[in-house]
C-alpha atoms as a PDB file:
ATOM      1  CA  MET A   1     -28.337  56.816 163.534  1.00  0.00           C
ATOM      2  CA  LYS A   2     -31.153  58.078 161.324  1.00  0.00           C
ATOM      3  CA  ASN A   3     -34.397  56.157 160.940  1.00  0.00           C
ATOM      4  CA  LYS A   4     -35.239  54.251 157.785  1.00  0.00           C
ATOM      5  CA  PRO A   5     -38.007  55.863 155.780  1.00  0.00           C
ATOM      6  CA  ASN A   6     -41.337  53.999 156.001  1.00  0.00           C
ATOM      7  CA  LYS A   7     -41.777  53.988 152.218  1.00  0.00           C
ATOM      8  CA  ILE A   8     -38.515  53.468 150.388  1.00  0.00           C
ATOM      9  CA  ARG A   9     -38.173  55.992 147.597  1.00  0.00           C
ATOM     10  CA  GLU A  10     -36.801  54.995 144.222  1.00  0.00           C
ATOM     11  CA  LEU A  11     -33.242  55.995 143.469  1.00  0.00           C
ATOM     12  CA  THR A  12     -31.967  57.880 140.468  1.00  0.00           C
ATOM     13  CA  ARG A  13     -29.571  55.969 138.230  1.00  0.00           C
ATOM     14  CA  ALA A  14     -26.544  57.737 139.749  1.00  0.00           C
ATOM     15  CA  GLU A  15     -27.798  57.151 143.307  1.00  0.00           C
ATOM     16  CA  GLU A  16     -28.403  53.496 142.541  1.00  0.00           C
ATOM     17  CA  GLN A  17     -24.848  53.099 141.214  1.00  0.00           C
ATOM     18  CA  VAL A  18     -23.452  54.550 144.440  1.00  0.00           C
ATOM     19  CA  MET A  19     -25.731  52.328 146.544  1.00  0.00           C
ATOM     20  CA  GLN A  20     -24.707  49.237 144.535  1.00  0.00           C
ATOM     21  CA  ALA A  21     -21.061  50.044 145.287  1.00  0.00           C
ATOM     22  CA  LEU A  22     -21.813  50.644 148.960  1.00  0.00           C
ATOM     23  CA  TRP A  23     -23.861  47.440 149.241  1.00  0.00           C
ATOM     24  CA  ASP A  24     -20.929  45.559 147.660  1.00  0.00           C
ATOM     25  CA  ILE A  25     -18.332  46.903 150.104  1.00  0.00           C
ATOM     26  CA  GLY A  26     -20.596  47.163 153.156  1.00  0.00           C
ATOM     27  CA  LYS A  27     -19.070  50.426 154.351  1.00  0.00           C
ATOM     28  CA  GLY A  28     -16.383  52.758 153.126  1.00  0.00           C
ATOM     29  CA  MET A  29     -15.004  56.189 152.442  1.00  0.00           C
ATOM     30  CA  VAL A  30     -15.898  58.046 149.241  1.00  0.00           C
ATOM     31  CA  HIS A  31     -12.657  56.951 147.546  1.00  0.00           C
ATOM     32  CA  GLU A  32     -13.474  53.294 148.318  1.00  0.00           C
ATOM     33  CA  ILE A  33     -16.951  53.708 146.825  1.00  0.00           C
ATOM     34  CA  LEU A  34     -15.392  55.403 143.794  1.00  0.00           C
ATOM     35  CA  ASN A  35     -13.008  52.457 143.321  1.00  0.00           C
ATOM     36  CA  ARG A  36     -16.026  50.177 142.674  1.00  0.00           C
ATOM     37  CA  PHE A  37     -16.980  52.176 139.558  1.00  0.00           C
ATOM     38  CA  PRO A  38     -15.833  51.068 136.100  1.00  0.00           C
ATOM     39  CA  GLU A  39     -13.807  53.377 133.880  1.00  0.00           C
ATOM     40  CA  PRO A  40     -14.399  56.155 133.138  1.00  0.00           C
ATOM     41  CA  LYS A  41     -14.988  56.832 136.823  1.00  0.00           C
ATOM     42  CA  PRO A  42     -17.103  59.793 137.894  1.00  0.00           C
ATOM     43  CA  ALA A  43     -15.412  62.684 139.677  1.00  0.00           C
ATOM     44  CA  TYR A  44     -14.723  62.277 143.406  1.00  0.00           C
ATOM     45  CA  ASN A  45     -16.878  65.342 144.158  1.00  0.00           C
ATOM     46  CA  THR A  46     -19.785  63.847 142.185  1.00  0.00           C
ATOM     47  CA  VAL A  47     -19.748  60.647 144.262  1.00  0.00           C
ATOM     48  CA  SER A  48     -19.331  62.673 147.457  1.00  0.00           C
ATOM     49  CA  THR A  49     -22.379  64.799 146.588  1.00  0.00           C
ATOM     50  CA  ILE A  50     -24.477  61.735 145.730  1.00  0.00           C
ATOM     51  CA  VAL A  51     -23.532  60.066 149.027  1.00  0.00           C
ATOM     52  CA  ARG A  52     -24.653  63.167 150.941  1.00  0.00           C
ATOM     53  CA  ILE A  53     -27.959  63.187 148.997  1.00  0.00           C
ATOM     54  CA  LEU A  54     -28.443  59.505 149.863  1.00  0.00           C
ATOM     55  CA  GLU A  55     -27.794  60.389 153.487  1.00  0.00           C
ATOM     56  CA  GLN A  56     -30.461  63.116 153.367  1.00  0.00           C
ATOM     57  CA  LYS A  57     -32.904  60.624 151.817  1.00  0.00           C
ATOM     58  CA  GLY A  58     -32.265  58.129 154.636  1.00  0.00           C
ATOM     59  CA  PHE A  59     -30.453  55.474 152.589  1.00  0.00           C
ATOM     60  CA  VAL A  60     -26.998  56.052 154.051  1.00  0.00           C
ATOM     61  CA  ASP A  61     -25.442  57.183 157.312  1.00  0.00           C
ATOM     62  CA  HIS A  62     -21.850  57.826 158.315  1.00  0.00           C
ATOM     63  CA  LYS A  63     -19.378  57.538 161.116  1.00  0.00           C
ATOM     64  CA  ALA A  64     -17.007  60.491 161.421  1.00  0.00           C
ATOM     65  CA  TYR A  65     -13.282  60.105 162.010  1.00  0.00           C
ATOM     66  CA  GLY A  66     -12.221  63.723 162.262  1.00  0.00           C
ATOM     67  CA  ARG A  67     -12.874  65.229 158.850  1.00  0.00           C
ATOM     68  CA  THR A  68     -13.146  61.817 157.198  1.00  0.00           C
ATOM     69  CA  HIS A  69     -16.471  60.012 156.927  1.00  0.00           C
ATOM     70  CA  GLU A  70     -17.083  56.297 156.603  1.00  0.00           C
ATOM     71  CA  TYR A  71     -20.454  55.671 154.955  1.00  0.00           C
ATOM     72  CA  PHE A  72     -22.699  52.646 155.345  1.00  0.00           C
ATOM     73  CA  PRO A  73     -26.149  51.678 153.996  1.00  0.00           C
ATOM     74  CA  LEU A  74     -29.223  51.974 156.216  1.00  0.00           C
ATOM     75  CA  ILE A  75     -31.358  50.069 153.714  1.00  0.00           C
ATOM     76  CA  SER A  76     -30.376  46.609 152.550  1.00  0.00           C
ATOM     77  CA  ARG A  77     -30.169  45.626 148.909  1.00  0.00           C
ATOM     78  CA  ASN A  78     -32.972  43.086 149.505  1.00  0.00           C
ATOM     79  CA  ASP A  79     -35.266  45.698 151.095  1.00  0.00           C
ATOM     80  CA  TYR A  80     -34.688  47.999 148.126  1.00  0.00           C
ATOM     81  CA  LYS A  81     -35.280  45.169 145.612  1.00  0.00           C
ATOM     82  CA  ARG A  82     -38.476  44.135 147.397  1.00  0.00           C
ATOM     83  CA  ASN A  83     -39.769  47.721 147.364  1.00  0.00           C
ATOM     84  CA  TYR A  84     -38.700  48.316 143.751  1.00  0.00           C
ATOM     85  CA  LEU A  85     -40.386  45.125 142.562  1.00  0.00           C
ATOM     86  CA  GLY A  86     -43.498  45.983 144.576  1.00  0.00           C
ATOM     87  CA  ASN A  87     -43.667  49.380 142.860  1.00  0.00           C
ATOM     88  CA  LEU A  88     -43.153  47.735 139.466  1.00  0.00           C
ATOM     89  CA  LEU A  89     -45.949  45.235 140.143  1.00  0.00           C
ATOM     90  CA  GLU A  90     -48.305  47.948 141.396  1.00  0.00           C
ATOM     91  CA  ASN A  91     -47.613  50.553 138.717  1.00  0.00           C
ATOM     92  CA  TYR A  92     -47.260  48.371 135.611  1.00  0.00           C
ATOM     93  CA  PHE A  93     -48.837  44.971 136.277  1.00  0.00           C
ATOM     94  CA  GLU A  94     -51.922  45.716 138.432  1.00  0.00           C
ATOM     95  CA  ASN A  95     -50.298  43.919 141.407  1.00  0.00           C
ATOM     96  CA  SER A  96     -50.323  40.663 139.454  1.00  0.00           C
ATOM     97  CA  PHE A  97     -47.227  38.483 139.630  1.00  0.00           C
ATOM     98  CA  LYS A  98     -48.789  36.359 136.888  1.00  0.00           C
ATOM     99  CA  SER A  99     -48.901  39.413 134.560  1.00  0.00           C
ATOM    100  CA  LEU A 100     -45.295  40.259 135.388  1.00  0.00           C
ATOM    101  CA  ALA A 101     -44.077  36.696 134.779  1.00  0.00           C
ATOM    102  CA  SER A 102     -45.974  36.301 131.512  1.00  0.00           C
ATOM    103  CA  PHE A 103     -44.669  39.685 130.298  1.00  0.00           C
ATOM    104  CA  PHE A 104     -41.060  38.646 130.920  1.00  0.00           C
ATOM    105  CA  ALA A 105     -41.600  35.197 129.434  1.00  0.00           C
ATOM    106  CA  ARG A 106     -42.945  36.772 126.224  1.00  0.00           C
ATOM    107  CA  GLU A 107     -40.716  39.838 125.968  1.00  0.00           C
ATOM    108  CA  GLU A 108     -37.384  38.581 127.272  1.00  0.00           C
ATOM    109  CA  LYS A 109     -37.546  35.153 125.625  1.00  0.00           C
ATOM    110  CA  PRO A 110     -35.793  33.167 128.387  1.00  0.00           C
ATOM    111  CA  SER A 111     -34.058  29.982 127.316  1.00  0.00           C
ATOM    112  CA  LEU A 112     -35.654  26.597 127.899  1.00  0.00           C
ATOM    113  CA  ARG A 113     -33.086  25.972 130.639  1.00  0.00           C
ATOM    114  CA  GLU A 114     -34.006  29.222 132.413  1.00  0.00           C
ATOM    115  CA  LEU A 115     -37.716  28.393 132.168  1.00  0.00           C
ATOM    116  CA  GLU A 116     -37.058  24.931 133.651  1.00  0.00           C
ATOM    117  CA  GLU A 117     -35.084  26.509 136.512  1.00  0.00           C
ATOM    118  CA  ILE A 118     -37.911  28.979 137.147  1.00  0.00           C
ATOM    119  CA  ARG A 119     -40.435  26.128 137.148  1.00  0.00           C
ATOM    120  CA  GLN A 120     -38.279  24.241 139.664  1.00  0.00           C
ATOM    121  CA  LEU A 121     -38.128  27.309 141.944  1.00  0.00           C
ATOM    122  CA  ILE A 122     -41.892  27.767 141.672  1.00  0.00           C
ATOM    123  CA  ASN A 123     -42.492  24.092 142.476  1.00  0.00           C
ATOM    124  CA  GLN A 124     -40.242  24.399 145.547  1.00  0.00           C
ATOM    125  CA  GLU A 125     -42.199  27.448 146.717  1.00  0.00           C
ATOM    126  CA  ILE A 126     -45.520  25.630 146.146  1.00  0.00           C
ATOM    127  CA  ASP A 127     -44.272  22.692 148.230  1.00  0.00           C
ATOM    128  CA  HIS A 128     -43.056  25.067 150.957  1.00  0.00           C
ATOM    129  CA  GLN A 129     -46.397  26.899 151.113  1.00  0.00           C
ATOM    130  CA  LYS A 130     -48.367  23.641 151.166  1.00  0.00           C
ATOM    131  CA  LYS A 131     -46.201  22.381 154.014  1.00  0.00           C
ATOM    132  CA  GLN A 132     -46.730  25.612 155.982  1.00  0.00           C
ATOM    133  CA  SER A 133     -50.493  25.547 155.489  1.00  0.00           C
ATOM    134  CA  HIS A 134     -50.661  22.036 156.977  1.00  0.00           C
ATOM    135  CA  GLU A 135     -48.703  22.975 160.114  1.00  0.00           C
END
């Protein structure tokens, strides 16, 4: 099995679509990955090439069954999200979660219900951190 890269590189749009499919199914052959795509589906050879590129980049590995390969992710969806968000924070919001949150609150115009749910999640995290600091 190949090692995970220390710094997770960002994926192209096509690579991300293949990874999303692979994360959804857990492991599978190219045709199973292809089945996760909406119509119009890309060509089989396109998905096969992208999977091999992802393997070279350290995102995917495979188990061989003769000439058939079963592919599986080496990097979890959560690890990729964490890295992607970290890059977003660093490159566009000066590592400030506050700047990121205020940008989305202004630009995306979440509903009052969504804002209340976010506040509830933040309050839960505050309580959790306070509890941990007292232990």
